[in-house]
Amino acid sequence: MGVSEIFLDFLVPTLNQIRQSIRGIDDSYNNFWDILAELVQNAVDAIRRSTASSPGKIELHIDCQQHAISIRDNGCGIAPEKLIELLRPFSTDKSDDENQIGEKGVGLKFAYFQSSFFSIHTGTELGSAKAEIHDA
């Protein structure tokens, strides 16, 4: 094994390290409404990043019988090729942006790790993408 291969292995987290990080994310939240706050915060950030001239709009739907939360916004969306990257632990596209509420990239991960079913539909002028996560 060459030196560069060892270095690359050093940078790749193990499955146990990822699990420990996810537990840390989960443990940093204390209230049942934190998931709602994180999703709304992401919607606000998307609207702030939008270049559209129309006023920002966030729709919130809570279905108590189905134990489901749905949030829709008219923000900037996520480019299809970036969606998978942003769903990965440790990733964010909000760093170094003073206009954003979120910055660490843990809110979205918290949302899907707290859910038995998570679905995201997003898009930009470059196209749209959908991802579903079951029993994270």
Protein backbone atom coordinates (compact mmCIF):
# COMPACT_ATOMS: atom_id res chain seq x y z
CA MET A 1 0.00 0.00 0.00
CA GLY A 2 1.46 3.37 -1.03
CA VAL A 3 1.67 6.47 1.13
CA SER A 4 -1.19 8.22 -0.71
CA GLU A 5 -3.47 5.18 -0.21
CA ILE A 6 -2.79 5.19 3.55
CA PHE A 7 -3.51 8.91 3.68
CA LEU A 8 -6.82 8.48 1.86
CA ASP A 9 -7.83 5.63 4.20
CA PHE A 10 -7.08 7.94 7.12
CA LEU A 11 -9.63 10.45 5.83
CA VAL A 12 -12.48 7.98 5.32
CA PRO A 13 -14.62 7.51 8.46
CA THR A 14 -15.47 3.97 9.47
CA LEU A 15 -19.05 2.80 9.83
CA ASN A 16 -18.71 2.91 13.63
CA GLN A 17 -17.40 6.49 13.49
CA ILE A 18 -20.35 7.52 11.34
CA ARG A 19 -22.77 5.83 13.77
CA GLN A 20 -21.14 7.62 16.71
CA SER A 21 -21.42 10.95 14.92
CA ILE A 22 -25.09 10.31 14.13
CA ARG A 23 -25.75 9.49 17.80
CA GLY A 24 -24.03 12.76 18.70
CA ILE A 25 -26.28 14.66 16.29
CA ASP A 26 -29.34 12.94 17.72
CA ASP A 27 -28.26 13.59 21.33
CA SER A 28 -27.78 17.31 20.65
CA TYR A 29 -31.55 17.78 20.26
CA ASN A 30 -33.85 17.78 23.27
CA ASN A 31 -37.41 18.48 22.16
CA PHE A 32 -39.91 16.79 19.87
CA TRP A 33 -40.37 20.03 17.93
CA ASP A 34 -36.65 20.29 17.04
CA ILE A 35 -37.22 18.36 13.81
CA LEU A 36 -39.86 20.89 12.76
CA ALA A 37 -37.55 23.80 13.63
CA GLU A 38 -34.72 22.30 11.57
CA LEU A 39 -36.89 21.74 8.50
CA VAL A 40 -38.36 25.25 8.67
CA GLN A 41 -34.87 26.68 9.13
CA ASN A 42 -33.76 24.90 5.95
CA ALA A 43 -36.77 26.35 4.11
CA VAL A 44 -35.92 29.87 5.31
CA ASP A 45 -32.31 29.40 4.17
CA ALA A 46 -33.51 28.21 0.74
CA ILE A 47 -35.71 31.29 0.37
CA ARG A 48 -32.86 33.59 1.41
CA ARG A 49 -30.63 31.99 -1.26
CA SER A 50 -33.27 32.29 -3.96
CA THR A 51 -32.79 34.81 -6.74
CA ALA A 52 -36.52 34.94 -7.51
CA SER A 53 -38.25 38.27 -7.06
CA SER A 54 -41.43 36.71 -5.65
CA PRO A 55 -41.92 36.77 -1.88
CA GLY A 56 -40.77 33.72 0.03
CA LYS A 57 -43.42 31.19 0.94
CA ILE A 58 -43.32 28.21 3.32
CA GLU A 59 -46.19 25.74 3.57
CA LEU A 60 -46.37 23.49 6.60
CA HIS A 61 -48.65 20.48 6.88
CA ILE A 62 -48.89 18.31 9.97
CA ASP A 63 -50.91 15.10 9.83
CA CYS A 64 -51.25 13.85 13.41
CA GLN A 65 -53.08 10.68 12.42
CA GLN A 66 -50.34 9.62 10.00
CA HIS A 67 -47.53 11.02 12.17
CA ALA A 68 -46.30 13.02 9.18
CA ILE A 69 -44.79 16.46 8.66
CA SER A 70 -44.53 18.05 5.24
CA ILE A 71 -42.79 21.33 4.45
CA ARG A 72 -42.76 23.01 1.06
CA ASP A 73 -41.00 26.23 0.14
CA ASN A 74 -40.37 28.29 -2.98
CA GLY A 75 -36.68 28.73 -2.26
CA CYS A 76 -33.67 28.06 -4.46
CA GLY A 77 -33.87 24.26 -4.37
CA ILE A 78 -30.99 21.83 -4.62
CA ALA A 79 -29.35 21.03 -7.93
CA PRO A 80 -30.01 17.35 -8.78
CA GLU A 81 -26.32 16.43 -8.79
CA LYS A 82 -25.82 17.88 -5.27
CA LEU A 83 -28.69 16.11 -3.51
CA ILE A 84 -26.93 12.84 -2.66
CA GLU A 85 -23.88 14.73 -1.40
CA LEU A 86 -26.02 16.91 0.90
CA LEU A 87 -27.76 13.85 2.36
CA ARG A 88 -24.44 12.36 3.46
CA PRO A 89 -23.31 12.84 7.06
CA PHE A 90 -20.78 15.67 7.51
CA SER A 91 -21.84 17.58 4.39
CA THR A 92 -23.26 21.07 4.02
CA ASP A 93 -23.44 23.78 1.41
CA LYS A 94 -24.04 26.54 3.95
CA SER A 95 -20.57 27.13 5.36
CA ASP A 96 -19.16 30.62 4.99
CA ASP A 97 -22.57 32.15 4.16
CA GLU A 98 -23.49 34.84 6.70
CA ASN A 99 -27.06 35.05 5.38
CA GLN A 100 -27.87 31.45 6.38
CA ILE A 101 -29.38 30.36 9.69
CA GLY A 102 -27.94 26.86 9.47
CA GLU A 103 -24.30 26.15 8.91
CA LYS A 104 -23.27 22.75 10.22
CA GLY A 105 -25.34 20.52 7.96
CA VAL A 106 -26.79 18.42 10.77
CA GLY A 107 -30.44 19.51 10.65
CA LEU A 108 -31.34 17.57 7.53
CA LYS A 109 -29.55 14.49 8.84
CA PHE A 110 -31.36 14.81 12.17
CA ALA A 111 -34.67 14.95 10.28
CA TYR A 112 -34.14 11.73 8.38
CA PHE A 113 -32.50 9.82 11.23
CA GLN A 114 -35.54 10.62 13.37
CA SER A 115 -37.97 9.42 10.72
CA SER A 116 -39.21 6.02 9.69
CA PHE A 117 -39.74 7.51 6.22
CA PHE A 118 -38.10 10.64 4.80
CA SER A 119 -38.70 12.01 1.32
CA ILE A 120 -37.27 15.07 -0.37
CA HIS A 121 -38.31 16.48 -3.73
CA THR A 122 -36.22 19.38 -4.96
CA GLY A 123 -35.07 21.08 -8.09
CA THR A 124 -33.60 24.05 -9.84
CA GLU A 125 -33.58 25.28 -13.40
CA LEU A 126 -31.09 22.45 -14.02
CA GLY A 127 -33.68 19.76 -13.25
CA SER A 128 -35.28 18.02 -10.31
CA ALA A 129 -34.43 15.14 -7.99
CA LYS A 130 -36.17 12.98 -5.42
CA ALA A 131 -34.70 10.89 -2.63
CA GLU A 132 -36.36 8.59 -0.12
CA ILE A 133 -34.84 7.17 3.04
CA HIS A 134 -36.56 4.36 4.92
CA ASP A 135 -35.83 3.44 8.55
CA ALA A 136 -32.60 5.41 8.89
